[in-house]
Amino acid sequence: MSLFGFEVPMEAIWVVVAIIVLVIVVFIAKGFMDEMKK
């Protein structure tokens, strides 16, 4: 898989995707916790 002209292994793609998903989940959880405190 090539990205921006660089050859990137599939494992690297999955690691980046996992990090992005984790960040999104943390933001949702944080927002949910703030709502519950009200």
PDB file of N, CA and C in Angstrom:
ATOM      1  N   MET A   1       0.854  -1.194   0.000  1.00  0.00           N
ATOM      2  CA  MET A   1       0.000   0.000   0.000  1.00  0.00           C
ATOM      3  C   MET A   1       0.890   1.243   0.000  1.00  0.00           C
ATOM      4  N   SER A   2       0.654   2.156  -0.944  1.00  0.00           N
ATOM      5  CA  SER A   2       1.458   3.383  -0.985  1.00  0.00           C
ATOM      6  C   SER A   2       0.608   4.568  -0.545  1.00  0.00           C
ATOM      7  N   LEU A   3       1.194   5.415   0.286  1.00  0.00           N
ATOM      8  CA  LEU A   3       0.498   6.568   0.847  1.00  0.00           C
ATOM      9  C   LEU A   3       1.409   7.780   0.700  1.00  0.00           C
ATOM     10  N   PHE A   4       0.925   8.794  -0.052  1.00  0.00           N
ATOM     11  CA  PHE A   4       1.714  10.010  -0.316  1.00  0.00           C
ATOM     12  C   PHE A   4       3.071   9.668  -0.928  1.00  0.00           C
ATOM     13  N   GLY A   5       3.099   8.621  -1.767  1.00  0.00           N
ATOM     14  CA  GLY A   5       4.336   8.233  -2.433  1.00  0.00           C
ATOM     15  C   GLY A   5       5.244   7.349  -1.591  1.00  0.00           C
ATOM     16  N   PHE A   6       4.861   7.089  -0.345  1.00  0.00           N
ATOM     17  CA  PHE A   6       5.652   6.197   0.503  1.00  0.00           C
ATOM     18  C   PHE A   6       5.038   4.805   0.495  1.00  0.00           C
ATOM     19  N   GLU A   7       5.900   3.782   0.567  1.00  0.00           N
ATOM     20  CA  GLU A   7       5.401   2.412   0.712  1.00  0.00           C
ATOM     21  C   GLU A   7       5.125   2.169   2.198  1.00  0.00           C
ATOM     22  N   VAL A   8       3.887   1.872   2.509  1.00  0.00           N
ATOM     23  CA  VAL A   8       3.481   1.676   3.903  1.00  0.00           C
ATOM     24  C   VAL A   8       2.969   0.248   4.077  1.00  0.00           C
ATOM     25  N   PRO A   9       3.509  -0.507   5.037  1.00  0.00           N
ATOM     26  CA  PRO A   9       2.988  -1.862   5.294  1.00  0.00           C
ATOM     27  C   PRO A   9       1.582  -1.807   5.882  1.00  0.00           C
ATOM     28  N   MET A  10       0.777  -2.837   5.603  1.00  0.00           N
ATOM     29  CA  MET A  10      -0.603  -2.874   6.093  1.00  0.00           C
ATOM     30  C   MET A  10      -0.680  -2.783   7.611  1.00  0.00           C
ATOM     31  N   GLU A  11       0.296  -3.365   8.316  1.00  0.00           N
ATOM     32  CA  GLU A  11       0.298  -3.304   9.781  1.00  0.00           C
ATOM     33  C   GLU A  11       0.315  -1.854  10.265  1.00  0.00           C
ATOM     34  N   ALA A  12       1.114  -1.017   9.607  1.00  0.00           N
ATOM     35  CA  ALA A  12       1.209   0.397   9.987  1.00  0.00           C
ATOM     36  C   ALA A  12      -0.141   1.090   9.792  1.00  0.00           C
ATOM     37  N   ILE A  13      -0.828   0.764   8.687  1.00  0.00           N
ATOM     38  CA  ILE A  13      -2.158   1.337   8.426  1.00  0.00           C
ATOM     39  C   ILE A  13      -3.110   0.973   9.569  1.00  0.00           C
ATOM     40  N   TRP A  14      -3.122  -0.311   9.954  1.00  0.00           N
ATOM     41  CA  TRP A  14      -4.031  -0.768  11.016  1.00  0.00           C
ATOM     42  C   TRP A  14      -3.714  -0.111  12.355  1.00  0.00           C
ATOM     43  N   VAL A  15      -2.428   0.108  12.645  1.00  0.00           N
ATOM     44  CA  VAL A  15      -2.037   0.772  13.899  1.00  0.00           C
ATOM     45  C   VAL A  15      -2.580   2.199  13.931  1.00  0.00           C
ATOM     46  N   VAL A  16      -2.417   2.931  12.820  1.00  0.00           N
ATOM     47  CA  VAL A  16      -2.913   4.313  12.723  1.00  0.00           C
ATOM     48  C   VAL A  16      -4.432   4.337  12.875  1.00  0.00           C
ATOM     49  N   VAL A  17      -5.118   3.428  12.183  1.00  0.00           N
ATOM     50  CA  VAL A  17      -6.586   3.351  12.278  1.00  0.00           C
ATOM     51  C   VAL A  17      -7.015   3.080  13.720  1.00  0.00           C
ATOM     52  N   ALA A  18      -6.339   2.146  14.379  1.00  0.00           N
ATOM     53  CA  ALA A  18      -6.671   1.805  15.766  1.00  0.00           C
ATOM     54  C   ALA A  18      -6.502   3.007  16.694  1.00  0.00           C
ATOM     55  N   ILE A  19      -5.433   3.780  16.509  1.00  0.00           N
ATOM     56  CA  ILE A  19      -5.180   4.973  17.327  1.00  0.00           C
ATOM     57  C   ILE A  19      -6.286   6.006  17.118  1.00  0.00           C
ATOM     58  N   ILE A  20      -6.659   6.246  15.854  1.00  0.00           N
ATOM     59  CA  ILE A  20      -7.710   7.220  15.538  1.00  0.00           C
ATOM     60  C   ILE A  20      -9.031   6.798  16.193  1.00  0.00           C
ATOM     61  N   VAL A  21      -9.383   5.519  16.049  1.00  0.00           N
ATOM     62  CA  VAL A  21     -10.621   5.003  16.649  1.00  0.00           C
ATOM     63  C   VAL A  21     -10.586   5.176  18.168  1.00  0.00           C
ATOM     64  N   LEU A  22      -9.454   4.868  18.777  1.00  0.00           N
ATOM     65  CA  LEU A  22      -9.302   4.986  20.226  1.00  0.00           C
ATOM     66  C   LEU A  22      -9.514   6.430  20.685  1.00  0.00           C
ATOM     67  N   VAL A  23      -8.926   7.393  19.967  1.00  0.00           N
ATOM     68  CA  VAL A  23      -9.077   8.816  20.289  1.00  0.00           C
ATOM     69  C   VAL A  23     -10.548   9.227  20.199  1.00  0.00           C
ATOM     70  N   ILE A  24     -11.237   8.803  19.130  1.00  0.00           N
ATOM     71  CA  ILE A  24     -12.655   9.134  18.949  1.00  0.00           C
ATOM     72  C   ILE A  24     -13.481   8.566  20.107  1.00  0.00           C
ATOM     73  N   VAL A  25     -13.221   7.305  20.468  1.00  0.00           N
ATOM     74  CA  VAL A  25     -13.953   6.655  21.566  1.00  0.00           C
ATOM     75  C   VAL A  25     -13.729   7.411  22.876  1.00  0.00           C
ATOM     76  N   VAL A  26     -12.491   7.823  23.140  1.00  0.00           N
ATOM     77  CA  VAL A  26     -12.169   8.564  24.363  1.00  0.00           C
ATOM     78  C   VAL A  26     -12.923   9.894  24.397  1.00  0.00           C
ATOM     79  N   PHE A  27     -12.958  10.620  23.261  1.00  0.00           N
ATOM     80  CA  PHE A  27     -13.681  11.890  23.192  1.00  0.00           C
ATOM     81  C   PHE A  27     -15.171  11.689  23.454  1.00  0.00           C
ATOM     82  N   ILE A  28     -15.768  10.658  22.857  1.00  0.00           N
ATOM     83  CA  ILE A  28     -17.194  10.363  23.059  1.00  0.00           C
ATOM     84  C   ILE A  28     -17.457  10.030  24.528  1.00  0.00           C
ATOM     85  N   ALA A  29     -16.600   9.189  25.112  1.00  0.00           N
ATOM     86  CA  ALA A  29     -16.753   8.794  26.510  1.00  0.00           C
ATOM     87  C   ALA A  29     -16.643  10.007  27.433  1.00  0.00           C
ATOM     88  N   LYS A  30     -15.689  10.901  27.148  1.00  0.00           N
ATOM     89  CA  LYS A  30     -15.495  12.109  27.950  1.00  0.00           C
ATOM     90  C   LYS A  30     -16.734  12.998  27.874  1.00  0.00           C
ATOM     91  N   GLY A  31     -17.246  13.207  26.674  1.00  0.00           N
ATOM     92  CA  GLY A  31     -18.461  14.004  26.492  1.00  0.00           C
ATOM     93  C   GLY A  31     -19.643  13.381  27.215  1.00  0.00           C
ATOM     94  N   PHE A  32     -19.742  12.060  27.155  1.00  0.00           N
ATOM     95  CA  PHE A  32     -20.831  11.337  27.814  1.00  0.00           C
ATOM     96  C   PHE A  32     -20.737  11.490  29.328  1.00  0.00           C
ATOM     97  N   MET A  33     -19.531  11.393  29.876  1.00  0.00           N
ATOM     98  CA  MET A  33     -19.314  11.551  31.314  1.00  0.00           C
ATOM     99  C   MET A  33     -19.705  12.963  31.760  1.00  0.00           C
ATOM    100  N   ASP A  34     -19.321  13.970  30.954  1.00  0.00           N
ATOM    101  CA  ASP A  34     -19.670  15.359  31.275  1.00  0.00           C
ATOM    102  C   ASP A  34     -21.187  15.538  31.295  1.00  0.00           C
ATOM    103  N   GLU A  35     -21.898  14.906  30.364  1.00  0.00           N
ATOM    104  CA  GLU A  35     -23.361  14.979  30.323  1.00  0.00           C
ATOM    105  C   GLU A  35     -23.970  14.321  31.563  1.00  0.00           C
ATOM    106  N   MET A  36     -23.405  13.207  31.982  1.00  0.00           N
ATOM    107  CA  MET A  36     -23.939  12.470  33.127  1.00  0.00           C
ATOM    108  C   MET A  36     -23.769  13.254  34.435  1.00  0.00           C
ATOM    109  N   LYS A  37     -22.730  14.090  34.521  1.00  0.00           N
ATOM    110  CA  LYS A  37     -22.460  14.859  35.740  1.00  0.00           C
ATOM    111  C   LYS A  37     -23.482  15.976  35.950  1.00  0.00           C
ATOM    112  N   LYS A  38     -24.105  16.443  34.870  1.00  0.00           N
ATOM    113  CA  LYS A  38     -25.060  17.556  34.976  1.00  0.00           C
ATOM    114  C   LYS A  38     -26.287  17.156  35.799  1.00  0.00           C
TER     115      LYS A  38
END
